[in-house]
Amino acid sequence: MKDVWVHTGLFLVVSAVFIVIAAFYSEAEDVPALRSMPRRFVYFVLGCLVLAGLMLVFEHTIASVD
């Protein structure tokens, strides 16, 4: 797990860019878009963690080559 903190930081930075773009495209005004960004960010990161966890479980149970 070389450079795990670097990859995690890069993932969070790129995720933040996606969240900012999505928030400003979905809201007509800037203030509601800014207020919704922390909630959107948390939901996105938690969703990615759940997906990664499911992928690891499936890899361990279904795609195992042992």
N, C-alpha and C. Protein backbone atom coordinates (compact mmCIF):
# COMPACT_ATOMS: atom_id res chain seq x y z
N MET A 1 0.85 -1.19 0.00
CA MET A 1 0.00 0.00 0.00
C MET A 1 0.88 1.24 0.00
N LYS A 2 1.65 1.33 -1.05
CA LYS A 2 2.57 2.45 -1.18
C LYS A 2 1.80 3.71 -1.53
N ASP A 3 2.12 4.79 -0.87
CA ASP A 3 1.54 6.10 -1.13
C ASP A 3 0.01 6.13 -0.95
N VAL A 4 -0.50 5.42 0.02
CA VAL A 4 -1.95 5.37 0.21
C VAL A 4 -2.51 6.75 0.57
N TRP A 5 -1.75 7.53 1.32
CA TRP A 5 -2.24 8.86 1.71
C TRP A 5 -2.25 9.82 0.53
N VAL A 6 -1.29 9.67 -0.34
CA VAL A 6 -1.26 10.52 -1.54
C VAL A 6 -2.46 10.20 -2.43
N HIS A 7 -2.74 8.91 -2.62
CA HIS A 7 -3.87 8.52 -3.46
C HIS A 7 -5.20 8.92 -2.82
N THR A 8 -5.30 8.80 -1.52
CA THR A 8 -6.52 9.22 -0.83
C THR A 8 -6.73 10.72 -0.97
N GLY A 9 -5.67 11.48 -0.79
CA GLY A 9 -5.77 12.94 -0.95
C GLY A 9 -6.16 13.34 -2.36
N LEU A 10 -5.56 12.70 -3.35
CA LEU A 10 -5.90 13.00 -4.74
C LEU A 10 -7.35 12.63 -5.03
N PHE A 11 -7.81 11.51 -4.50
CA PHE A 11 -9.21 11.11 -4.68
C PHE A 11 -10.14 12.16 -4.09
N LEU A 12 -9.83 12.66 -2.90
CA LEU A 12 -10.68 13.65 -2.25
C LEU A 12 -10.68 14.98 -3.02
N VAL A 13 -9.54 15.36 -3.57
CA VAL A 13 -9.47 16.61 -4.34
C VAL A 13 -10.30 16.49 -5.62
N VAL A 14 -10.13 15.40 -6.34
CA VAL A 14 -10.90 15.21 -7.57
C VAL A 14 -12.38 15.07 -7.26
N SER A 15 -12.72 14.39 -6.18
CA SER A 15 -14.13 14.27 -5.77
C SER A 15 -14.72 15.63 -5.45
N ALA A 16 -13.96 16.47 -4.78
CA ALA A 16 -14.44 17.81 -4.45
C ALA A 16 -14.72 18.61 -5.71
N VAL A 17 -13.89 18.47 -6.73
CA VAL A 17 -14.13 19.16 -8.00
C VAL A 17 -15.43 18.68 -8.61
N PHE A 18 -15.67 17.37 -8.62
CA PHE A 18 -16.92 16.84 -9.17
C PHE A 18 -18.13 17.35 -8.40
N ILE A 19 -18.01 17.40 -7.09
CA ILE A 19 -19.12 17.83 -6.25
C ILE A 19 -19.43 19.31 -6.49
N VAL A 20 -18.41 20.14 -6.61
CA VAL A 20 -18.62 21.57 -6.86
C VAL A 20 -19.33 21.76 -8.20
N ILE A 21 -18.86 21.07 -9.22
CA ILE A 21 -19.49 21.20 -10.54
C ILE A 21 -20.94 20.73 -10.49
N ALA A 22 -21.19 19.60 -9.88
CA ALA A 22 -22.56 19.08 -9.80
C ALA A 22 -23.46 19.99 -8.99
N ALA A 23 -22.96 20.56 -7.91
CA ALA A 23 -23.77 21.44 -7.07
C ALA A 23 -24.17 22.70 -7.83
N PHE A 24 -23.24 23.28 -8.56
CA PHE A 24 -23.55 24.52 -9.27
C PHE A 24 -24.41 24.28 -10.52
N TYR A 25 -24.34 23.10 -11.09
CA TYR A 25 -25.23 22.80 -12.20
C TYR A 25 -26.64 22.46 -11.75
N SER A 26 -26.78 21.91 -10.56
CA SER A 26 -28.11 21.47 -10.10
C SER A 26 -28.91 22.57 -9.41
N GLU A 27 -28.24 23.56 -8.84
CA GLU A 27 -28.93 24.63 -8.14
C GLU A 27 -28.94 25.90 -8.98
N ALA A 28 -30.05 26.62 -8.94
CA ALA A 28 -30.16 27.85 -9.72
C ALA A 28 -29.40 29.01 -9.06
N GLU A 29 -29.32 29.00 -7.76
CA GLU A 29 -28.64 30.07 -7.02
C GLU A 29 -27.35 29.54 -6.41
N ASP A 30 -26.41 30.45 -6.15
CA ASP A 30 -25.11 30.05 -5.62
C ASP A 30 -25.15 29.67 -4.14
N VAL A 31 -25.94 30.38 -3.35
CA VAL A 31 -25.96 30.13 -1.90
C VAL A 31 -26.47 28.72 -1.58
N PRO A 32 -27.60 28.28 -2.16
CA PRO A 32 -28.01 26.88 -1.89
C PRO A 32 -27.00 25.86 -2.39
N ALA A 33 -26.32 26.18 -3.49
CA ALA A 33 -25.31 25.26 -4.01
C ALA A 33 -24.15 25.13 -3.03
N LEU A 34 -23.71 26.25 -2.48
CA LEU A 34 -22.62 26.21 -1.50
C LEU A 34 -23.03 25.48 -0.23
N ARG A 35 -24.27 25.66 0.17
CA ARG A 35 -24.74 24.98 1.39
C ARG A 35 -24.87 23.47 1.19
N SER A 36 -25.16 23.03 -0.03
CA SER A 36 -25.37 21.61 -0.27
C SER A 36 -24.07 20.84 -0.50
N MET A 37 -22.98 21.54 -0.69
CA MET A 37 -21.73 20.84 -1.03
C MET A 37 -21.20 19.92 0.07
N PRO A 38 -21.18 20.30 1.34
CA PRO A 38 -20.68 19.34 2.35
C PRO A 38 -21.51 18.06 2.42
N ARG A 39 -22.83 18.19 2.34
CA ARG A 39 -23.70 17.01 2.37
C ARG A 39 -23.45 16.13 1.14
N ARG A 40 -23.35 16.75 -0.02
CA ARG A 40 -23.09 16.02 -1.24
C ARG A 40 -21.73 15.31 -1.18
N PHE A 41 -20.74 15.99 -0.64
CA PHE A 41 -19.40 15.42 -0.54
C PHE A 41 -19.41 14.19 0.35
N VAL A 42 -20.07 14.29 1.51
CA VAL A 42 -20.12 13.15 2.43
C VAL A 42 -20.86 11.98 1.79
N TYR A 43 -21.99 12.24 1.13
CA TYR A 43 -22.74 11.17 0.47
C TYR A 43 -21.90 10.50 -0.63
N PHE A 44 -21.18 11.31 -1.39
CA PHE A 44 -20.37 10.75 -2.46
C PHE A 44 -19.25 9.86 -1.91
N VAL A 45 -18.55 10.35 -0.90
CA VAL A 45 -17.43 9.58 -0.34
C VAL A 45 -17.96 8.32 0.34
N LEU A 46 -19.05 8.41 1.07
CA LEU A 46 -19.62 7.21 1.70
C LEU A 46 -20.10 6.21 0.65
N GLY A 47 -20.69 6.70 -0.42
CA GLY A 47 -21.11 5.82 -1.51
C GLY A 47 -19.93 5.11 -2.14
N CYS A 48 -18.82 5.83 -2.33
CA CYS A 48 -17.61 5.21 -2.88
C CYS A 48 -17.04 4.17 -1.92
N LEU A 49 -17.09 4.45 -0.61
CA LEU A 49 -16.60 3.48 0.37
C LEU A 49 -17.45 2.21 0.38
N VAL A 50 -18.76 2.37 0.28
CA VAL A 50 -19.65 1.21 0.23
C VAL A 50 -19.37 0.40 -1.04
N LEU A 51 -19.23 1.07 -2.16
CA LEU A 51 -18.94 0.38 -3.41
C LEU A 51 -17.60 -0.35 -3.34
N ALA A 52 -16.59 0.28 -2.79
CA ALA A 52 -15.29 -0.37 -2.66
C ALA A 52 -15.37 -1.58 -1.73
N GLY A 53 -16.14 -1.45 -0.64
CA GLY A 53 -16.33 -2.58 0.27
C GLY A 53 -17.03 -3.74 -0.40
N LEU A 54 -18.07 -3.45 -1.18
CA LEU A 54 -18.77 -4.52 -1.90
C LEU A 54 -17.86 -5.18 -2.93
N MET A 55 -17.06 -4.40 -3.60
CA MET A 55 -16.14 -4.97 -4.57
C MET A 55 -15.12 -5.88 -3.90
N LEU A 56 -14.64 -5.49 -2.71
CA LEU A 56 -13.69 -6.35 -1.99
C LEU A 56 -14.35 -7.64 -1.52
N VAL A 57 -15.59 -7.56 -1.08
CA VAL A 57 -16.31 -8.77 -0.65
C VAL A 57 -16.52 -9.70 -1.84
N PHE A 58 -16.95 -9.15 -2.97
CA PHE A 58 -17.15 -9.98 -4.16
C PHE A 58 -15.84 -10.58 -4.67
N GLU A 59 -14.77 -9.80 -4.59
CA GLU A 59 -13.48 -10.31 -5.01
C GLU A 59 -13.07 -11.48 -4.13
N HIS A 60 -13.30 -11.33 -2.84
CA HIS A 60 -12.89 -12.37 -1.90
C HIS A 60 -13.74 -13.64 -2.05
N THR A 61 -15.03 -13.48 -2.33
CA THR A 61 -15.92 -14.64 -2.36
C THR A 61 -16.09 -15.23 -3.76
N ILE A 62 -16.24 -14.40 -4.77
CA ILE A 62 -16.56 -14.91 -6.10
C ILE A 62 -15.32 -15.05 -6.98
N ALA A 63 -14.47 -14.05 -6.99
CA ALA A 63 -13.35 -14.01 -7.93
C ALA A 63 -12.07 -14.57 -7.32
N SER A 64 -12.18 -15.31 -6.27
CA SER A 64 -10.99 -15.85 -5.63
C SER A 64 -10.37 -16.95 -6.49
N VAL A 65 -9.06 -16.94 -6.59
CA VAL A 65 -8.37 -17.94 -7.41
C VAL A 65 -7.66 -18.98 -6.55
N ASP A 66 -7.92 -19.00 -5.27
CA ASP A 66 -7.27 -19.97 -4.38
C ASP A 66 -7.85 -21.35 -4.58
